[in-house]
């Protein structure tokens, strides 16, 4: 599992949607239940995000109002998502996760060229 965690961290650093890959690894290859795999992935994501934010803050000013809003809404979403996931059957949770993963991949694939042409950094820091 240490190698898989390292691989996921490396992919996350390169911008690949590695959280989904880590959950697939944990459920398929490690035999971990879906809900536990998602919880472990979220735990991993918190620390990876905190490290990325610290590195980013060294070179760019942080929009604290926007950051507070995003963190607040994200926290509410996490609590609601956890409640929903705990009350969902394991098979249904896997199916919903697979559908979300496929839809996210399709949206990313089909909107990739549009984002290349924009000055993405300017839209983030407005």
N, C-alpha and C. Protein backbone atom coordinates (compact mmCIF):
# COMPACT_ATOMS: atom_id res chain seq x y z
N UNK A 1 0.83 -1.19 0.00
CA UNK A 1 0.00 0.00 0.00
C UNK A 1 0.87 1.25 0.00
N UNK A 2 2.08 1.18 0.55
CA UNK A 2 2.96 2.34 0.57
C UNK A 2 3.31 2.77 -0.85
N UNK A 3 3.61 1.80 -1.71
CA UNK A 3 3.94 2.13 -3.09
C UNK A 3 2.74 2.75 -3.80
N UNK A 4 1.55 2.21 -3.56
CA UNK A 4 0.34 2.76 -4.18
C UNK A 4 0.11 4.19 -3.71
N UNK A 5 0.33 4.47 -2.43
CA UNK A 5 0.18 5.83 -1.90
C UNK A 5 1.17 6.77 -2.56
N UNK A 6 2.41 6.32 -2.71
CA UNK A 6 3.44 7.13 -3.38
C UNK A 6 3.04 7.40 -4.81
N UNK A 7 2.57 6.39 -5.52
CA UNK A 7 2.16 6.54 -6.91
C UNK A 7 1.00 7.52 -7.04
N UNK A 8 0.04 7.42 -6.14
CA UNK A 8 -1.11 8.33 -6.16
C UNK A 8 -0.65 9.76 -5.90
N UNK A 9 0.26 9.94 -4.92
CA UNK A 9 0.77 11.28 -4.64
C UNK A 9 1.51 11.85 -5.84
N UNK A 10 2.28 11.03 -6.51
CA UNK A 10 3.01 11.47 -7.69
C UNK A 10 2.04 11.87 -8.81
N UNK A 11 1.02 11.06 -9.03
CA UNK A 11 0.03 11.39 -10.06
C UNK A 11 -0.74 12.66 -9.70
N UNK A 12 -1.06 12.84 -8.42
CA UNK A 12 -1.75 14.05 -7.98
C UNK A 12 -0.90 15.28 -8.25
N UNK A 13 0.40 15.16 -8.01
CA UNK A 13 1.31 16.26 -8.27
C UNK A 13 1.38 16.63 -9.74
N UNK A 14 1.12 15.67 -10.60
CA UNK A 14 1.15 15.92 -12.04
C UNK A 14 -0.22 16.33 -12.57
N UNK A 15 -1.22 16.42 -11.69
CA UNK A 15 -2.53 16.88 -12.11
C UNK A 15 -3.49 15.79 -12.56
N UNK A 16 -3.11 14.54 -12.41
CA UNK A 16 -3.99 13.44 -12.80
C UNK A 16 -5.02 13.25 -11.69
N UNK A 17 -6.24 12.92 -12.03
CA UNK A 17 -7.27 12.68 -11.04
C UNK A 17 -7.01 11.39 -10.29
N UNK A 18 -6.04 11.42 -9.43
CA UNK A 18 -5.53 10.20 -8.81
C UNK A 18 -6.42 9.66 -7.69
N UNK A 19 -7.31 10.47 -7.14
CA UNK A 19 -8.17 9.99 -6.08
C UNK A 19 -9.03 8.82 -6.52
N UNK A 20 -9.57 8.92 -7.71
CA UNK A 20 -10.37 7.82 -8.25
C UNK A 20 -9.53 6.57 -8.46
N UNK A 21 -8.29 6.77 -8.91
CA UNK A 21 -7.40 5.63 -9.11
C UNK A 21 -7.07 4.94 -7.79
N UNK A 22 -6.86 5.73 -6.76
CA UNK A 22 -6.53 5.18 -5.44
C UNK A 22 -7.71 4.37 -4.89
N UNK A 23 -8.91 4.87 -5.07
CA UNK A 23 -10.09 4.15 -4.59
C UNK A 23 -10.26 2.85 -5.37
N UNK A 24 -10.04 2.89 -6.67
CA UNK A 24 -10.12 1.66 -7.47
C UNK A 24 -9.08 0.66 -6.98
N UNK A 25 -7.86 1.12 -6.75
CA UNK A 25 -6.81 0.23 -6.23
C UNK A 25 -7.23 -0.38 -4.89
N UNK A 26 -7.71 0.46 -3.98
CA UNK A 26 -8.06 -0.04 -2.64
C UNK A 26 -9.21 -1.04 -2.68
N UNK A 27 -10.19 -0.79 -3.53
CA UNK A 27 -11.35 -1.69 -3.57
C UNK A 27 -11.09 -2.96 -4.37
N UNK A 28 -10.46 -2.81 -5.53
CA UNK A 28 -10.28 -3.96 -6.41
C UNK A 28 -9.08 -4.81 -6.00
N UNK A 29 -7.94 -4.20 -5.81
CA UNK A 29 -6.72 -4.96 -5.54
C UNK A 29 -6.50 -5.26 -4.05
N UNK A 30 -6.94 -4.36 -3.18
CA UNK A 30 -6.73 -4.58 -1.74
C UNK A 30 -7.94 -5.18 -1.05
N UNK A 31 -9.08 -5.19 -1.73
CA UNK A 31 -10.29 -5.77 -1.15
C UNK A 31 -10.93 -4.94 -0.05
N UNK A 32 -10.62 -3.66 0.01
CA UNK A 32 -11.18 -2.79 1.05
C UNK A 32 -12.62 -2.41 0.66
N UNK A 33 -13.53 -2.34 1.63
CA UNK A 33 -14.89 -1.89 1.32
C UNK A 33 -14.89 -0.46 0.76
N UNK A 34 -15.85 -0.19 -0.11
CA UNK A 34 -15.92 1.10 -0.81
C UNK A 34 -15.93 2.29 0.15
N UNK A 35 -16.75 2.25 1.18
CA UNK A 35 -16.88 3.38 2.10
C UNK A 35 -15.56 3.65 2.82
N UNK A 36 -14.87 2.59 3.24
CA UNK A 36 -13.57 2.76 3.91
C UNK A 36 -12.54 3.30 2.93
N UNK A 37 -12.57 2.82 1.70
CA UNK A 37 -11.62 3.30 0.68
C UNK A 37 -11.82 4.78 0.41
N UNK A 38 -13.06 5.22 0.32
CA UNK A 38 -13.34 6.63 0.09
C UNK A 38 -12.91 7.47 1.28
N UNK A 39 -13.11 6.97 2.48
CA UNK A 39 -12.67 7.70 3.68
C UNK A 39 -11.16 7.84 3.72
N UNK A 40 -10.44 6.77 3.41
CA UNK A 40 -8.99 6.82 3.39
C UNK A 40 -8.50 7.77 2.30
N UNK A 41 -9.16 7.75 1.15
CA UNK A 41 -8.79 8.65 0.07
C UNK A 41 -9.00 10.11 0.48
N UNK A 42 -10.08 10.42 1.17
CA UNK A 42 -10.32 11.79 1.63
C UNK A 42 -9.27 12.21 2.65
N UNK A 43 -8.90 11.29 3.52
CA UNK A 43 -7.86 11.58 4.51
C UNK A 43 -6.55 11.90 3.79
N UNK A 44 -6.19 11.12 2.82
CA UNK A 44 -4.99 11.33 2.02
C UNK A 44 -5.07 12.67 1.29
N UNK A 45 -6.23 12.98 0.75
CA UNK A 45 -6.44 14.19 -0.03
C UNK A 45 -6.27 15.44 0.81
N UNK A 46 -6.71 15.40 2.06
CA UNK A 46 -6.58 16.56 2.95
C UNK A 46 -5.11 16.95 3.10
N UNK A 47 -4.25 15.98 3.34
CA UNK A 47 -2.84 16.28 3.52
C UNK A 47 -2.15 16.68 2.22
N UNK A 48 -2.53 16.05 1.12
CA UNK A 48 -1.96 16.42 -0.18
C UNK A 48 -2.36 17.86 -0.55
N UNK A 49 -3.61 18.22 -0.27
CA UNK A 49 -4.09 19.56 -0.57
C UNK A 49 -3.41 20.59 0.32
N UNK A 50 -3.24 20.28 1.59
CA UNK A 50 -2.58 21.21 2.50
C UNK A 50 -1.13 21.47 2.04
N UNK A 51 -0.44 20.43 1.63
CA UNK A 51 0.94 20.60 1.15
C UNK A 51 0.96 21.45 -0.13
N UNK A 52 0.04 21.19 -1.04
CA UNK A 52 -0.02 21.97 -2.28
C UNK A 52 -0.35 23.43 -1.99
N UNK A 53 -1.24 23.67 -1.04
CA UNK A 53 -1.62 25.04 -0.69
C UNK A 53 -0.44 25.80 -0.10
N UNK A 54 0.33 25.14 0.75
CA UNK A 54 1.51 25.79 1.32
C UNK A 54 2.54 26.14 0.25
N UNK A 55 2.77 25.24 -0.68
CA UNK A 55 3.71 25.53 -1.76
C UNK A 55 3.18 26.64 -2.67
N UNK A 56 1.90 26.63 -2.93
CA UNK A 56 1.28 27.65 -3.78
C UNK A 56 1.34 29.03 -3.12
N UNK A 57 1.13 29.06 -1.81
CA UNK A 57 1.11 30.33 -1.08
C UNK A 57 2.47 31.03 -1.11
N UNK A 58 3.52 30.29 -1.35
CA UNK A 58 4.86 30.90 -1.42
C UNK A 58 5.02 31.78 -2.64
N UNK A 59 4.28 31.50 -3.71
CA UNK A 59 4.46 32.24 -4.96
C UNK A 59 3.25 33.05 -5.39
N UNK A 60 2.10 32.81 -4.80
CA UNK A 60 0.89 33.52 -5.19
C UNK A 60 0.14 33.97 -3.93
N UNK A 61 -0.47 35.15 -3.98
CA UNK A 61 -1.30 35.58 -2.84
C UNK A 61 -2.56 34.72 -2.77
N UNK A 62 -2.99 34.44 -1.56
CA UNK A 62 -4.20 33.62 -1.38
C UNK A 62 -5.41 34.52 -1.20
N UNK A 63 -6.48 34.27 -1.96
CA UNK A 63 -7.72 35.04 -1.78
C UNK A 63 -8.49 34.47 -0.57
N UNK A 64 -8.25 35.02 0.61
CA UNK A 64 -8.75 34.43 1.85
C UNK A 64 -10.27 34.38 1.93
N UNK A 65 -10.97 35.37 1.40
CA UNK A 65 -12.44 35.32 1.43
C UNK A 65 -12.96 34.15 0.60
N UNK A 66 -12.40 34.01 -0.59
CA UNK A 66 -12.81 32.92 -1.48
C UNK A 66 -12.41 31.57 -0.87
N UNK A 67 -11.24 31.54 -0.28
CA UNK A 67 -10.76 30.32 0.37
C UNK A 67 -11.67 29.91 1.52
N UNK A 68 -12.09 30.89 2.33
CA UNK A 68 -12.99 30.60 3.45
C UNK A 68 -14.34 30.08 2.93
N UNK A 69 -14.85 30.68 1.87
CA UNK A 69 -16.12 30.25 1.29
C UNK A 69 -16.02 28.82 0.76
N UNK A 70 -14.96 28.55 0.00
CA UNK A 70 -14.79 27.22 -0.58
C UNK A 70 -14.62 26.17 0.52
N UNK A 71 -13.83 26.49 1.54
CA UNK A 71 -13.64 25.54 2.65
C UNK A 71 -14.95 25.30 3.40
N UNK A 72 -15.70 26.36 3.63
CA UNK A 72 -16.99 26.20 4.32
C UNK A 72 -17.97 25.35 3.54
N UNK A 73 -18.11 25.65 2.25
CA UNK A 73 -19.03 24.88 1.42
C UNK A 73 -18.54 23.44 1.26
N UNK A 74 -17.23 23.27 1.14
CA UNK A 74 -16.67 21.92 1.04
C UNK A 74 -16.92 21.11 2.30
N UNK A 75 -16.83 21.75 3.45
CA UNK A 75 -17.08 21.06 4.71
C UNK A 75 -18.54 20.60 4.80
N UNK A 76 -19.43 21.47 4.41
CA UNK A 76 -20.86 21.11 4.40
C UNK A 76 -21.09 19.94 3.44
N UNK A 77 -20.49 20.01 2.26
CA UNK A 77 -20.62 18.93 1.28
C UNK A 77 -20.04 17.61 1.80
N UNK A 78 -18.94 17.68 2.53
CA UNK A 78 -18.33 16.47 3.09
C UNK A 78 -19.26 15.81 4.10
N UNK A 79 -19.83 16.61 4.97
CA UNK A 79 -20.73 16.05 5.99
C UNK A 79 -21.96 15.43 5.33
N UNK A 80 -22.56 16.16 4.40
CA UNK A 80 -23.75 15.62 3.71
C UNK A 80 -23.41 14.37 2.90
N UNK A 81 -22.26 14.38 2.23
CA UNK A 81 -21.84 13.21 1.46
C UNK A 81 -21.56 12.01 2.34
N UNK A 82 -20.96 12.24 3.51
CA UNK A 82 -20.69 11.14 4.44
C UNK A 82 -21.98 10.53 4.97
N UNK A 83 -22.92 11.38 5.29
CA UNK A 83 -24.22 10.88 5.77
C UNK A 83 -24.90 10.07 4.68
N UNK A 84 -24.89 10.58 3.46
CA UNK A 84 -25.50 9.88 2.33
C UNK A 84 -24.81 8.54 2.09
N UNK A 85 -23.48 8.54 2.09
CA UNK A 85 -22.72 7.31 1.82
C UNK A 85 -22.94 6.25 2.90
N UNK A 86 -23.04 6.67 4.15
CA UNK A 86 -23.25 5.71 5.24
C UNK A 86 -24.62 5.06 5.18
N UNK A 87 -25.57 5.76 4.59
CA UNK A 87 -26.93 5.23 4.51
C UNK A 87 -27.22 4.56 3.16
N UNK A 88 -26.19 4.33 2.37
CA UNK A 88 -26.35 3.74 1.05
C UNK A 88 -25.76 2.32 1.06
N UNK A 89 -26.39 1.42 0.34
CA UNK A 89 -25.89 0.06 0.21
C UNK A 89 -24.54 0.08 -0.53
N UNK A 90 -23.63 -0.81 -0.18
CA UNK A 90 -22.29 -0.84 -0.76
C UNK A 90 -22.28 -0.97 -2.27
N UNK A 91 -23.15 -1.80 -2.82
CA UNK A 91 -23.23 -1.97 -4.27
C UNK A 91 -23.71 -0.70 -4.96
N UNK A 92 -24.68 -0.05 -4.36
CA UNK A 92 -25.20 1.21 -4.92
C UNK A 92 -24.11 2.27 -4.87
N UNK A 93 -23.37 2.32 -3.76
CA UNK A 93 -22.29 3.29 -3.62
C UNK A 93 -21.22 3.08 -4.69
N UNK A 94 -20.86 1.83 -4.95
CA UNK A 94 -19.89 1.54 -6.01
C UNK A 94 -20.40 1.97 -7.38
N UNK A 95 -21.68 1.71 -7.64
CA UNK A 95 -22.27 2.09 -8.92
C UNK A 95 -22.28 3.60 -9.10
N UNK A 96 -22.71 4.32 -8.06
CA UNK A 96 -22.73 5.79 -8.13
C UNK A 96 -21.32 6.32 -8.33
N UNK A 97 -20.35 5.76 -7.60
CA UNK A 97 -18.96 6.20 -7.74
C UNK A 97 -18.46 5.96 -9.16
N UNK A 98 -18.77 4.81 -9.72
CA UNK A 98 -18.33 4.50 -11.09
C UNK A 98 -18.94 5.47 -12.09
N UNK A 99 -20.21 5.78 -11.94
CA UNK A 99 -20.88 6.72 -12.85
C UNK A 99 -20.26 8.10 -12.74
N UNK A 100 -20.02 8.57 -11.51
CA UNK A 100 -19.40 9.89 -11.32
C UNK A 100 -17.99 9.91 -11.92
N UNK A 101 -17.24 8.84 -11.72
CA UNK A 101 -15.88 8.76 -12.26
C UNK A 101 -15.89 8.80 -13.79
N UNK A 102 -16.80 8.07 -14.40
CA UNK A 102 -16.90 8.05 -15.87
C UNK A 102 -17.34 9.41 -16.39
N UNK A 103 -18.35 10.02 -15.77
CA UNK A 103 -18.82 11.33 -16.21
C UNK A 103 -17.74 12.39 -16.06
N UNK A 104 -17.01 12.34 -14.96
CA UNK A 104 -15.92 13.30 -14.75
C UNK A 104 -14.84 13.13 -15.81
N UNK A 105 -14.52 11.89 -16.14
CA UNK A 105 -13.54 11.64 -17.19
C UNK A 105 -14.01 12.14 -18.54
N UNK A 106 -15.27 11.92 -18.85
CA UNK A 106 -15.81 12.39 -20.13
C UNK A 106 -15.81 13.92 -20.22
N UNK A 107 -16.24 14.57 -19.15
CA UNK A 107 -16.24 16.04 -19.15
C UNK A 107 -14.82 16.57 -19.30
N UNK A 108 -13.89 15.98 -18.58
CA UNK A 108 -12.49 16.40 -18.69
C UNK A 108 -11.96 16.18 -20.09
N UNK A 109 -12.27 15.05 -20.66
CA UNK A 109 -11.79 14.73 -22.00
C UNK A 109 -12.33 15.69 -23.05
N UNK A 110 -13.63 16.00 -22.96
CA UNK A 110 -14.23 16.82 -24.00
C UNK A 110 -14.06 18.31 -23.79
N UNK A 111 -13.68 18.77 -22.60
CA UNK A 111 -13.46 20.20 -22.37
C UNK A 111 -11.98 20.55 -22.28
N UNK A 112 -11.12 19.60 -22.46
CA UNK A 112 -9.67 19.82 -22.32
C UNK A 112 -9.16 20.88 -23.30
N UNK A 113 -9.55 20.81 -24.55
CA UNK A 113 -9.06 21.75 -25.55
C UNK A 113 -9.52 23.18 -25.27
N UNK A 114 -10.71 23.35 -24.74
CA UNK A 114 -11.21 24.68 -24.42
C UNK A 114 -10.36 25.33 -23.34
N UNK A 115 -9.95 24.56 -22.35
CA UNK A 115 -9.15 25.11 -21.26
C UNK A 115 -7.73 25.43 -21.71
N UNK A 116 -7.23 24.76 -22.72
CA UNK A 116 -5.88 25.05 -23.22
C UNK A 116 -5.80 26.46 -23.78
N UNK A 117 -6.87 26.93 -24.40
CA UNK A 117 -6.86 28.22 -25.07
C UNK A 117 -7.08 29.39 -24.13
N UNK A 118 -7.51 29.15 -22.93
CA UNK A 118 -7.75 30.22 -21.98
C UNK A 118 -6.50 30.50 -21.17
N UNK A 119 -6.42 31.70 -20.65
CA UNK A 119 -5.36 31.99 -19.70
C UNK A 119 -5.92 31.61 -18.34
N UNK A 120 -5.75 30.35 -17.97
CA UNK A 120 -6.41 29.76 -16.81
C UNK A 120 -6.03 30.46 -15.52
N UNK A 121 -4.78 30.88 -15.38
CA UNK A 121 -4.34 31.51 -14.14
C UNK A 121 -5.07 32.82 -13.89
N UNK A 122 -5.35 33.59 -14.94
CA UNK A 122 -6.05 34.85 -14.75
C UNK A 122 -7.46 34.64 -14.24
N UNK A 123 -8.14 33.57 -14.67
CA UNK A 123 -9.51 33.34 -14.23
C UNK A 123 -9.54 32.89 -12.77
N UNK A 124 -8.49 32.27 -12.28
CA UNK A 124 -8.46 31.82 -10.89
C UNK A 124 -8.26 32.99 -9.93
N UNK A 125 -7.43 33.96 -10.29
CA UNK A 125 -7.04 35.01 -9.36
C UNK A 125 -7.76 36.33 -9.57
N UNK A 126 -8.88 36.34 -10.26
CA UNK A 126 -9.64 37.57 -10.44
C UNK A 126 -10.25 38.02 -9.14
